[in-house]
C-alpha atoms as a PDB file:
ATOM      1  CA  MET A   1       8.878 -35.043 -30.741  1.00  0.00           C
ATOM      2  CA  ALA A   2       8.033 -32.352 -28.181  1.00  0.00           C
ATOM      3  CA  ILE A   3       5.168 -29.999 -28.978  1.00  0.00           C
ATOM      4  CA  ASN A   4       6.026 -26.283 -28.986  1.00  0.00           C
ATOM      5  CA  LEU A   5       3.064 -24.381 -27.585  1.00  0.00           C
ATOM      6  CA  GLN A   6       1.702 -20.947 -28.411  1.00  0.00           C
ATOM      7  CA  LYS A   7      -0.022 -18.788 -25.821  1.00  0.00           C
ATOM      8  CA  GLY A   8      -3.443 -20.225 -25.005  1.00  0.00           C
ATOM      9  CA  GLN A   9      -2.733 -23.601 -26.613  1.00  0.00           C
ATOM     10  CA  THR A  10      -3.609 -26.808 -24.741  1.00  0.00           C
ATOM     11  CA  ILE A  11      -2.277 -30.354 -25.167  1.00  0.00           C
ATOM     12  CA  ASP A  12      -2.749 -33.776 -23.587  1.00  0.00           C
ATOM     13  CA  LEU A  13       0.392 -34.443 -21.538  1.00  0.00           C
ATOM     14  CA  ARG A  14       0.308 -38.187 -22.156  1.00  0.00           C
ATOM     15  CA  LYS A  15       0.103 -37.969 -25.943  1.00  0.00           C
ATOM     16  CA  ASN A  16       2.636 -37.007 -28.611  1.00  0.00           C
ATOM     17  CA  ASP A  17       2.005 -34.871 -31.710  1.00  0.00           C
ATOM     18  CA  ARG A  18       0.484 -37.916 -33.452  1.00  0.00           C
ATOM     19  CA  GLY A  19      -2.041 -38.505 -30.656  1.00  0.00           C
ATOM     20  CA  GLU A  20      -0.267 -41.603 -29.331  1.00  0.00           C
ATOM     21  CA  SER A  21      -0.135 -42.216 -25.562  1.00  0.00           C
ATOM     22  CA  VAL A  22       3.631 -42.475 -25.102  1.00  0.00           C
ATOM     23  CA  TYR A  23       4.598 -40.345 -22.094  1.00  0.00           C
ATOM     24  CA  ASP A  24       5.087 -41.572 -18.526  1.00  0.00           C
ATOM     25  CA  LEU A  25       3.420 -39.163 -16.077  1.00  0.00           C
ATOM     26  CA  SER A  26       4.459 -41.031 -12.936  1.00  0.00           C
ATOM     27  CA  GLN A  27       6.963 -38.209 -12.421  1.00  0.00           C
ATOM     28  CA  VAL A  28       6.939 -35.034 -14.511  1.00  0.00           C
ATOM     29  CA  THR A  29       9.558 -32.300 -14.363  1.00  0.00           C
ATOM     30  CA  ILE A  30       8.266 -28.780 -14.959  1.00  0.00           C
ATOM     31  CA  GLY A  31      11.406 -26.872 -15.915  1.00  0.00           C
ATOM     32  CA  LEU A  32      11.883 -23.123 -16.057  1.00  0.00           C
ATOM     33  CA  GLY A  33      14.737 -21.499 -17.974  1.00  0.00           C
ATOM     34  CA  TRP A  34      15.641 -17.876 -18.649  1.00  0.00           C
ATOM     35  CA  ASP A  35      18.456 -15.463 -19.541  1.00  0.00           C
ATOM     36  CA  VAL A  36      18.953 -11.828 -18.601  1.00  0.00           C
ATOM     37  CA  ARG A  37      19.260  -9.564 -21.631  1.00  0.00           C
ATOM     38  CA  LYS A  38      22.801  -8.182 -21.799  1.00  0.00           C
ATOM     39  CA  GLN A  39      22.982  -4.447 -21.179  1.00  0.00           C
ATOM     40  CA  GLY A  40      25.547  -1.776 -22.073  1.00  0.00           C
ATOM     41  CA  GLY A  41      28.243  -3.760 -23.884  1.00  0.00           C
ATOM     42  CA  PHE A  42      31.192  -5.631 -22.345  1.00  0.00           C
ATOM     43  CA  PHE A  43      32.498  -2.893 -20.038  1.00  0.00           C
ATOM     44  CA  GLY A  44      28.989  -1.926 -18.979  1.00  0.00           C
ATOM     45  CA  ARG A  45      28.388  -5.500 -17.869  1.00  0.00           C
ATOM     46  CA  LEU A  46      31.835  -5.803 -16.295  1.00  0.00           C
ATOM     47  CA  PHE A  47      31.393  -2.821 -13.992  1.00  0.00           C
ATOM     48  CA  SER A  48      27.661  -3.030 -13.488  1.00  0.00           C
ATOM     49  CA  ASN A  49      26.360  -2.859  -9.917  1.00  0.00           C
ATOM     50  CA  GLU A  50      22.918  -4.103 -10.924  1.00  0.00           C
ATOM     51  CA  PRO A  51      21.517  -6.668  -8.451  1.00  0.00           C
ATOM     52  CA  GLU A  52      21.330 -10.237  -9.690  1.00  0.00           C
ATOM     53  CA  TYR A  53      18.001 -11.465 -10.983  1.00  0.00           C
ATOM     54  CA  ASP A  54      16.229 -13.914  -8.692  1.00  0.00           C
ATOM     55  CA  LEU A  55      13.325 -15.601 -10.478  1.00  0.00           C
ATOM     56  CA  ASP A  56      11.233 -17.855  -8.267  1.00  0.00           C
ATOM     57  CA  ALA A  57       9.072 -20.708  -9.508  1.00  0.00           C
ATOM     58  CA  VAL A  58       5.841 -21.291  -7.568  1.00  0.00           C
ATOM     59  CA  ALA A  59       3.028 -23.839  -7.891  1.00  0.00           C
ATOM     60  CA  PHE A  60      -0.567 -23.496  -6.664  1.00  0.00           C
ATOM     61  CA  LEU A  61      -2.495 -26.742  -6.151  1.00  0.00           C
ATOM     62  CA  LEU A  62      -6.189 -26.078  -6.751  1.00  0.00           C
ATOM     63  CA  ASP A  63      -9.304 -28.000  -5.780  1.00  0.00           C
ATOM     64  CA  LYS A  64     -12.460 -28.585  -7.838  1.00  0.00           C
ATOM     65  CA  ASN A  65     -13.489 -24.964  -7.245  1.00  0.00           C
ATOM     66  CA  GLY A  66     -10.230 -23.615  -8.629  1.00  0.00           C
ATOM     67  CA  LYS A  67      -9.074 -22.558  -5.149  1.00  0.00           C
ATOM     68  CA  VAL A  68      -6.178 -23.329  -2.787  1.00  0.00           C
ATOM     69  CA  ALA A  69      -7.893 -25.204   0.054  1.00  0.00           C
ATOM     70  CA  ASN A  70      -4.923 -25.602   2.407  1.00  0.00           C
ATOM     71  CA  MET A  71      -3.091 -22.326   3.081  1.00  0.00           C
ATOM     72  CA  GLY A  72      -0.649 -24.054   5.412  1.00  0.00           C
ATOM     73  CA  ARG A  73       0.573 -22.508   8.632  1.00  0.00           C
ATOM     74  CA  THR A  74       2.743 -19.605   9.742  1.00  0.00           C
ATOM     75  CA  LEU A  75       6.118 -20.251  11.366  1.00  0.00           C
ATOM     76  CA  GLN A  76       8.367 -17.918  13.289  1.00  0.00           C
ATOM     77  CA  GLY A  77      11.573 -17.809  11.265  1.00  0.00           C
ATOM     78  CA  HIS A  78      15.011 -16.358  11.830  1.00  0.00           C
ATOM     79  CA  ILE A  79      15.425 -12.853  13.300  1.00  0.00           C
ATOM     80  CA  GLY A  80      11.698 -12.550  13.864  1.00  0.00           C
ATOM     81  CA  LYS A  81      10.674 -13.041  10.236  1.00  0.00           C
ATOM     82  CA  GLN A  82       7.528 -15.088   9.695  1.00  0.00           C
ATOM     83  CA  VAL A  83       7.287 -17.908   7.156  1.00  0.00           C
ATOM     84  CA  VAL A  84       3.779 -18.131   5.712  1.00  0.00           C
ATOM     85  CA  LEU A  85       1.994 -20.839   3.703  1.00  0.00           C
ATOM     86  CA  TYR A  86       4.257 -23.501   5.208  1.00  0.00           C
ATOM     87  CA  GLU A  87       3.328 -27.100   4.310  1.00  0.00           C
ATOM     88  CA  GLY A  88       0.186 -25.966   2.477  1.00  0.00           C
ATOM     89  CA  ASP A  89      -0.945 -26.301  -1.124  1.00  0.00           C
ATOM     90  CA  VAL A  90       1.456 -23.625  -2.359  1.00  0.00           C
ATOM     91  CA  ILE A  91       4.951 -24.800  -3.304  1.00  0.00           C
ATOM     92  CA  TYR A  92       7.558 -22.041  -3.125  1.00  0.00           C
ATOM     93  CA  PHE A  93      11.046 -21.215  -1.807  1.00  0.00           C
ATOM     94  CA  ASN A  94      10.050 -21.327   1.895  1.00  0.00           C
ATOM     95  CA  SER A  95       7.890 -24.433   1.566  1.00  0.00           C
ATOM     96  CA  MET A  96       9.582 -26.481  -1.131  1.00  0.00           C
ATOM     97  CA  ARG A  97       7.954 -29.883  -0.618  1.00  0.00           C
ATOM     98  CA  HIS A  98       4.245 -30.666  -0.360  1.00  0.00           C
ATOM     99  CA  PRO A  99       3.234 -32.737   2.709  1.00  0.00           C
ATOM    100  CA  SER A 100       2.073 -35.524   0.362  1.00  0.00           C
ATOM    101  CA  GLY A 101       5.586 -35.826  -1.077  1.00  0.00           C
ATOM    102  CA  HIS A 102       4.112 -35.799  -4.596  1.00  0.00           C
ATOM    103  CA  ILE A 103       5.257 -32.328  -5.668  1.00  0.00           C
ATOM    104  CA  TRP A 104       8.384 -30.382  -4.777  1.00  0.00           C
ATOM    105  CA  LEU A 105      10.665 -27.532  -5.848  1.00  0.00           C
ATOM    106  CA  THR A 106      14.303 -28.471  -6.488  1.00  0.00           C
ATOM    107  CA  GLY A 107      16.141 -25.214  -5.776  1.00  0.00           C
ATOM    108  CA  ASP A 108      17.097 -21.712  -6.778  1.00  0.00           C
ATOM    109  CA  ASN A 109      19.378 -20.391  -9.561  1.00  0.00           C
ATOM    110  CA  ARG A 110      19.768 -16.621  -9.263  1.00  0.00           C
ATOM    111  CA  THR A 111      21.637 -15.891 -12.487  1.00  0.00           C
ATOM    112  CA  GLY A 112      19.883 -17.804 -15.268  1.00  0.00           C
ATOM    113  CA  GLU A 113      23.314 -18.520 -16.750  1.00  0.00           C
ATOM    114  CA  GLY A 114      23.910 -21.601 -18.845  1.00  0.00           C
ATOM    115  CA  ASP A 115      21.675 -23.942 -20.799  1.00  0.00           C
ATOM    116  CA  GLY A 116      18.793 -26.030 -19.501  1.00  0.00           C
ATOM    117  CA  ASP A 117      16.407 -25.552 -16.604  1.00  0.00           C
ATOM    118  CA  ASP A 118      17.213 -22.906 -13.998  1.00  0.00           C
ATOM    119  CA  GLU A 119      14.479 -24.064 -11.632  1.00  0.00           C
ATOM    120  CA  GLN A 120      12.413 -27.235 -11.573  1.00  0.00           C
ATOM    121  CA  ILE A 121       9.171 -28.347  -9.984  1.00  0.00           C
ATOM    122  CA  ILE A 122       8.791 -32.129  -9.865  1.00  0.00           C
ATOM    123  CA  VAL A 123       5.301 -33.597  -9.672  1.00  0.00           C
ATOM    124  CA  LYS A 124       4.090 -37.199  -9.537  1.00  0.00           C
ATOM    125  CA  LEU A 125       0.939 -36.562 -11.543  1.00  0.00           C
ATOM    126  CA  ASP A 126      -0.290 -40.158 -11.493  1.00  0.00           C
ATOM    127  CA  GLN A 127      -0.124 -40.222  -7.671  1.00  0.00           C
ATOM    128  CA  LEU A 128      -1.449 -36.752  -6.943  1.00  0.00           C
ATOM    129  CA  ASP A 129      -4.538 -36.863  -4.739  1.00  0.00           C
ATOM    130  CA  GLN A 130      -7.814 -36.645  -6.645  1.00  0.00           C
ATOM    131  CA  ARG A 131      -8.837 -33.548  -4.697  1.00  0.00           C
ATOM    132  CA  TYR A 132      -6.273 -31.571  -6.696  1.00  0.00           C
ATOM    133  CA  GLU A 133      -7.825 -30.681 -10.042  1.00  0.00           C
ATOM    134  CA  LYS A 134      -5.290 -28.171 -11.324  1.00  0.00           C
ATOM    135  CA  ILE A 135      -1.721 -26.937 -10.791  1.00  0.00           C
ATOM    136  CA  VAL A 136      -0.904 -23.335 -11.722  1.00  0.00           C
ATOM    137  CA  PHE A 137       2.750 -22.498 -12.384  1.00  0.00           C
ATOM    138  CA  VAL A 138       3.843 -18.946 -11.565  1.00  0.00           C
ATOM    139  CA  VAL A 139       7.181 -17.146 -11.846  1.00  0.00           C
ATOM    140  CA  SER A 140       8.031 -13.960  -9.932  1.00  0.00           C
ATOM    141  CA  ILE A 141      11.119 -11.741  -9.907  1.00  0.00           C
ATOM    142  CA  TYR A 142      12.086 -11.379  -6.258  1.00  0.00           C
ATOM    143  CA  GLN A 143      12.229  -7.659  -5.321  1.00  0.00           C
ATOM    144  CA  GLY A 144      11.776  -6.873  -8.993  1.00  0.00           C
ATOM    145  CA  ARG A 145      10.037  -3.558  -8.418  1.00  0.00           C
ATOM    146  CA  ALA A 146      12.634  -2.301  -5.924  1.00  0.00           C
ATOM    147  CA  ASN A 147      15.466  -3.342  -8.258  1.00  0.00           C
ATOM    148  CA  ARG A 148      13.650  -2.107 -11.400  1.00  0.00           C
ATOM    149  CA  GLN A 149      13.792  -5.566 -12.917  1.00  0.00           C
ATOM    150  CA  HIS A 150      10.995  -6.933 -15.091  1.00  0.00           C
ATOM    151  CA  PHE A 151      10.185  -9.488 -17.767  1.00  0.00           C
ATOM    152  CA  GLY A 152      10.986  -6.970 -20.489  1.00  0.00           C
ATOM    153  CA  MET A 153      14.626  -7.545 -19.511  1.00  0.00           C
ATOM    154  CA  ILE A 154      14.336 -11.349 -19.711  1.00  0.00           C
ATOM    155  CA  GLU A 155      14.933 -13.326 -22.891  1.00  0.00           C
ATOM    156  CA  ASN A 156      14.776 -16.993 -23.875  1.00  0.00           C
ATOM    157  CA  ALA A 157      12.341 -17.698 -21.037  1.00  0.00           C
ATOM    158  CA  PHE A 158      10.520 -21.006 -21.225  1.00  0.00           C
ATOM    159  CA  ILE A 159       8.523 -23.555 -19.313  1.00  0.00           C
ATOM    160  CA  ARG A 160       8.626 -27.197 -20.357  1.00  0.00           C
ATOM    161  CA  ALA A 161       7.356 -30.582 -19.235  1.00  0.00           C
ATOM    162  CA  VAL A 162       9.575 -33.672 -19.220  1.00  0.00           C
ATOM    163  CA  ASP A 163       8.259 -37.154 -18.456  1.00  0.00           C
ATOM    164  CA  ALA A 164       9.648 -39.772 -16.037  1.00  0.00           C
ATOM    165  CA  ARG A 165      11.921 -41.220 -18.751  1.00  0.00           C
ATOM    166  CA  GLY A 166      13.467 -37.851 -19.557  1.00  0.00           C
ATOM    167  CA  LYS A 167      11.473 -37.270 -22.734  1.00  0.00           C
ATOM    168  CA  GLU A 168      10.459 -33.654 -23.329  1.00  0.00           C
ATOM    169  CA  ILE A 169       6.692 -33.545 -23.777  1.00  0.00           C
ATOM    170  CA  THR A 170       6.076 -29.887 -24.496  1.00  0.00           C
ATOM    171  CA  LYS A 171       7.653 -26.446 -24.269  1.00  0.00           C
ATOM    172  CA  TYR A 172       6.300 -22.900 -24.157  1.00  0.00           C
ATOM    173  CA  SER A 173       8.792 -20.117 -24.893  1.00  0.00           C
ATOM    174  CA  LEU A 174       8.385 -16.484 -23.972  1.00  0.00           C
ATOM    175  CA  SER A 175      10.921 -13.711 -24.645  1.00  0.00           C
ATOM    176  CA  GLY A 176      10.547 -10.279 -23.142  1.00  0.00           C
ATOM    177  CA  ASP A 177       9.544  -7.376 -25.338  1.00  0.00           C
ATOM    178  CA  SER A 178       8.174  -3.912 -24.653  1.00  0.00           C
ATOM    179  CA  SER A 179       4.777  -5.378 -23.692  1.00  0.00           C
ATOM    180  CA  MET A 180       6.503  -7.035 -20.728  1.00  0.00           C
ATOM    181  CA  ASN A 181       8.051  -3.841 -19.399  1.00  0.00           C
ATOM    182  CA  GLY A 182       7.113  -3.329 -15.750  1.00  0.00           C
ATOM    183  CA  MET A 183       5.793  -6.890 -15.434  1.00  0.00           C
ATOM    184  CA  CYS A 184       7.409  -8.698 -12.498  1.00  0.00           C
ATOM    185  CA  SER A 185       5.307 -11.879 -12.259  1.00  0.00           C
ATOM    186  CA  MET A 186       3.937 -14.324 -14.789  1.00  0.00           C
ATOM    187  CA  VAL A 187       1.298 -17.025 -14.697  1.00  0.00           C
ATOM    188  CA  PHE A 188       3.240 -19.228 -17.082  1.00  0.00           C
ATOM    189  CA  ALA A 189       1.100 -22.341 -17.509  1.00  0.00           C
ATOM    190  CA  GLU A 190      -1.249 -24.800 -15.847  1.00  0.00           C
ATOM    191  CA  ALA A 191      -1.785 -28.547 -15.730  1.00  0.00           C
ATOM    192  CA  TYR A 192      -5.312 -29.816 -15.081  1.00  0.00           C
ATOM    193  CA  ARG A 193      -7.330 -32.999 -15.003  1.00  0.00           C
ATOM    194  CA  HIS A 194      -9.614 -33.781 -17.931  1.00  0.00           C
ATOM    195  CA  HIS A 195     -11.595 -37.020 -18.218  1.00  0.00           C
ATOM    196  CA  GLY A 196      -9.091 -38.941 -16.130  1.00  0.00           C
ATOM    197  CA  ASP A 197      -5.962 -37.584 -17.732  1.00  0.00           C
ATOM    198  CA  TRP A 198      -3.827 -34.439 -17.587  1.00  0.00           C
ATOM    199  CA  LYS A 199      -3.844 -31.444 -19.923  1.00  0.00           C
ATOM    200  CA  PHE A 200      -1.242 -28.674 -20.100  1.00  0.00           C
ATOM    201  CA  ARG A 201      -2.098 -25.106 -21.143  1.00  0.00           C
ATOM    202  CA  ALA A 202       0.282 -22.263 -22.007  1.00  0.00           C
ATOM    203  CA  ILE A 203      -1.007 -19.059 -20.373  1.00  0.00           C
ATOM    204  CA  GLY A 204       1.650 -16.303 -20.340  1.00  0.00           C
ATOM    205  CA  ASP A 205      -0.416 -13.883 -18.226  1.00  0.00           C
ATOM    206  CA  PRO A 206       1.841 -11.090 -16.829  1.00  0.00           C
ATOM    207  CA  HIS A 207       1.360  -9.086 -13.627  1.00  0.00           C
ATOM    208  CA  THR A 208       3.047  -5.947 -12.348  1.00  0.00           C
ATOM    209  CA  THR A 209       3.481  -7.279  -8.794  1.00  0.00           C
ATOM    210  CA  ASP A 210       6.740  -8.960  -7.775  1.00  0.00           C
ATOM    211  CA  ASN A 211       5.004 -10.806  -4.923  1.00  0.00           C
ATOM    212  CA  PHE A 212       3.455 -14.137  -5.911  1.00  0.00           C
ATOM    213  CA  ILE A 213       1.009 -13.829  -2.989  1.00  0.00           C
ATOM    214  CA  ASP A 214      -0.753 -11.030  -4.909  1.00  0.00           C
ATOM    215  CA  VAL A 215      -1.165 -13.490  -7.805  1.00  0.00           C
ATOM    216  CA  LEU A 216      -2.400 -16.117  -5.343  1.00  0.00           C
ATOM    217  CA  VAL A 217      -5.244 -13.995  -3.904  1.00  0.00           C
ATOM    218  CA  PRO A 218      -7.874 -14.777  -6.613  1.00  0.00           C
ATOM    219  CA  TYR A 219      -7.213 -18.499  -6.029  1.00  0.00           C
ATOM    220  CA  THR A 220      -8.021 -18.351  -2.301  1.00  0.00           C
ATOM    221  CA  TYR A 221     -11.295 -18.726  -0.389  1.00  0.00           C
ATOM    222  CA  LYS A 222     -12.351 -15.346   0.957  1.00  0.00           C
END
């Protein structure tokens, strides 16, 4: 049975709640799900001009010093817009697959409607290069500050880990309350090596910025 985590709690990803090594970490799905809290009744929702919520899942791959060693490169995108961090150790919507092929982002759901995962990051933990000691999972609301959108308006948010056979290993749920008002990014959880295996820790650390690069800064070499 999957282990439901509380903030700050850590588990061994390979073991179940009885301490038995049962999970296959050759490919792990980190799933993110969320719903937007309904506002203003039926007619308020029907005629609302509020922009859709775009929550983006991001992963930072960290070295033994807890830093992102490869910041990728900058590309010249469409209509003069630059694409940063391309093919580096940050997995996000403009650089969805790591050069190693061992971790990638599946796509983007901008509504959060329906059951199940709204975004997924797939990682082959057993094949990940030894130089990567930790993976930090971050979620940001795209243009959240401009659109006055924040985690206080999000409910039924969760991050979960599912093994290669489709068995749910663990889940950490987080619903918005007044303490999340004005918070547009969240360090949701992290996976890290420990004595040759992988641990998973629920973090739930909110930030006011809606730009994941601001969250990334402390994890970079100055």
